[in-house]
């Protein structure tokens, strides 16, 4: 299994979960703690860019 590009803290916010889905990242577990995981730099950058749409999506 390849090492992920980036792992960040899980967010229960619906918008953040929409962003992880749209970016191609996934929710995984580090031990028993959920985290957001990105396999590529592109996925992570798209996740960050989608934050520009906060407030427009909900």
C-alpha atoms as a PDB file:
ATOM      1  CA  UNK A   1       0.000   0.000   0.000  1.00  0.00           C
ATOM      2  CA  UNK A   2       1.434   3.379  -1.039  1.00  0.00           C
ATOM      3  CA  UNK A   3       2.033   6.024   1.583  1.00  0.00           C
ATOM      4  CA  UNK A   4      -0.563   8.835   1.375  1.00  0.00           C
ATOM      5  CA  UNK A   5       0.556  12.289   0.235  1.00  0.00           C
ATOM      6  CA  UNK A   6      -1.168  14.030   3.159  1.00  0.00           C
ATOM      7  CA  UNK A   7      -3.348  13.155   6.148  1.00  0.00           C
ATOM      8  CA  UNK A   8      -5.327  15.876   7.924  1.00  0.00           C
ATOM      9  CA  UNK A   9      -7.771  15.935  10.816  1.00  0.00           C
ATOM     10  CA  UNK A  10     -11.284  14.664  10.200  1.00  0.00           C
ATOM     11  CA  UNK A  11     -14.074  17.227  10.101  1.00  0.00           C
ATOM     12  CA  UNK A  12     -17.721  16.411  10.722  1.00  0.00           C
ATOM     13  CA  UNK A  13     -18.725  19.567   8.820  1.00  0.00           C
ATOM     14  CA  UNK A  14     -20.888  18.669   5.791  1.00  0.00           C
ATOM     15  CA  UNK A  15     -19.057  21.125   3.540  1.00  0.00           C
ATOM     16  CA  UNK A  16     -15.660  19.642   4.422  1.00  0.00           C
ATOM     17  CA  UNK A  17     -16.989  16.147   3.737  1.00  0.00           C
ATOM     18  CA  UNK A  18     -18.322  17.344   0.377  1.00  0.00           C
ATOM     19  CA  UNK A  19     -14.868  18.789  -0.412  1.00  0.00           C
ATOM     20  CA  UNK A  20     -13.084  15.526   0.440  1.00  0.00           C
ATOM     21  CA  UNK A  21     -15.477  13.661  -1.852  1.00  0.00           C
ATOM     22  CA  UNK A  22     -15.124  16.154  -4.726  1.00  0.00           C
ATOM     23  CA  UNK A  23     -11.339  16.233  -4.475  1.00  0.00           C
ATOM     24  CA  UNK A  24     -10.940  12.472  -4.713  1.00  0.00           C
ATOM     25  CA  UNK A  25      -9.617  12.119  -1.177  1.00  0.00           C
ATOM     26  CA  UNK A  26     -11.144   9.719   1.308  1.00  0.00           C
ATOM     27  CA  UNK A  27     -12.015   9.261   4.934  1.00  0.00           C
ATOM     28  CA  UNK A  28      -9.869   6.602   6.545  1.00  0.00           C
ATOM     29  CA  UNK A  29      -8.829   5.611  10.044  1.00  0.00           C
ATOM     30  CA  UNK A  30      -5.568   6.104  11.859  1.00  0.00           C
ATOM     31  CA  UNK A  31      -6.038   3.631  14.682  1.00  0.00           C
ATOM     32  CA  UNK A  32      -9.610   4.299  15.762  1.00  0.00           C
ATOM     33  CA  UNK A  33      -9.570   7.988  14.774  1.00  0.00           C
ATOM     34  CA  UNK A  34     -11.107   9.074  11.446  1.00  0.00           C
ATOM     35  CA  UNK A  35      -8.915  11.285   9.212  1.00  0.00           C
ATOM     36  CA  UNK A  36      -9.057  12.827   5.751  1.00  0.00           C
ATOM     37  CA  UNK A  37      -6.487  11.184   3.472  1.00  0.00           C
ATOM     38  CA  UNK A  38      -5.136  12.367   0.119  1.00  0.00           C
ATOM     39  CA  UNK A  39      -3.175  10.036  -2.134  1.00  0.00           C
ATOM     40  CA  UNK A  40      -1.830  12.829  -4.377  1.00  0.00           C
ATOM     41  CA  UNK A  41      -0.802  16.471  -4.169  1.00  0.00           C
ATOM     42  CA  UNK A  42      -3.482  17.258  -6.772  1.00  0.00           C
ATOM     43  CA  UNK A  43      -6.248  15.875  -4.549  1.00  0.00           C
ATOM     44  CA  UNK A  44      -5.050  17.943  -1.599  1.00  0.00           C
ATOM     45  CA  UNK A  45      -4.741  21.127  -3.668  1.00  0.00           C
ATOM     46  CA  UNK A  46      -8.244  20.642  -5.083  1.00  0.00           C
ATOM     47  CA  UNK A  47      -9.584  20.167  -1.533  1.00  0.00           C
ATOM     48  CA  UNK A  48      -8.011  23.486  -0.510  1.00  0.00           C
ATOM     49  CA  UNK A  49      -9.256  25.285  -3.642  1.00  0.00           C
ATOM     50  CA  UNK A  50     -12.830  24.122  -3.064  1.00  0.00           C
ATOM     51  CA  UNK A  51     -12.842  26.099   0.184  1.00  0.00           C
ATOM     52  CA  UNK A  52     -13.435  29.172  -2.027  1.00  0.00           C
ATOM     53  CA  UNK A  53     -16.990  27.859  -2.455  1.00  0.00           C
ATOM     54  CA  UNK A  54     -17.741  27.815   1.294  1.00  0.00           C
ATOM     55  CA  UNK A  55     -21.052  29.566   1.910  1.00  0.00           C
ATOM     56  CA  UNK A  56     -22.221  29.024  -1.666  1.00  0.00           C
ATOM     57  CA  UNK A  57     -22.728  25.266  -1.373  1.00  0.00           C
ATOM     58  CA  UNK A  58     -25.016  24.991   1.644  1.00  0.00           C
END
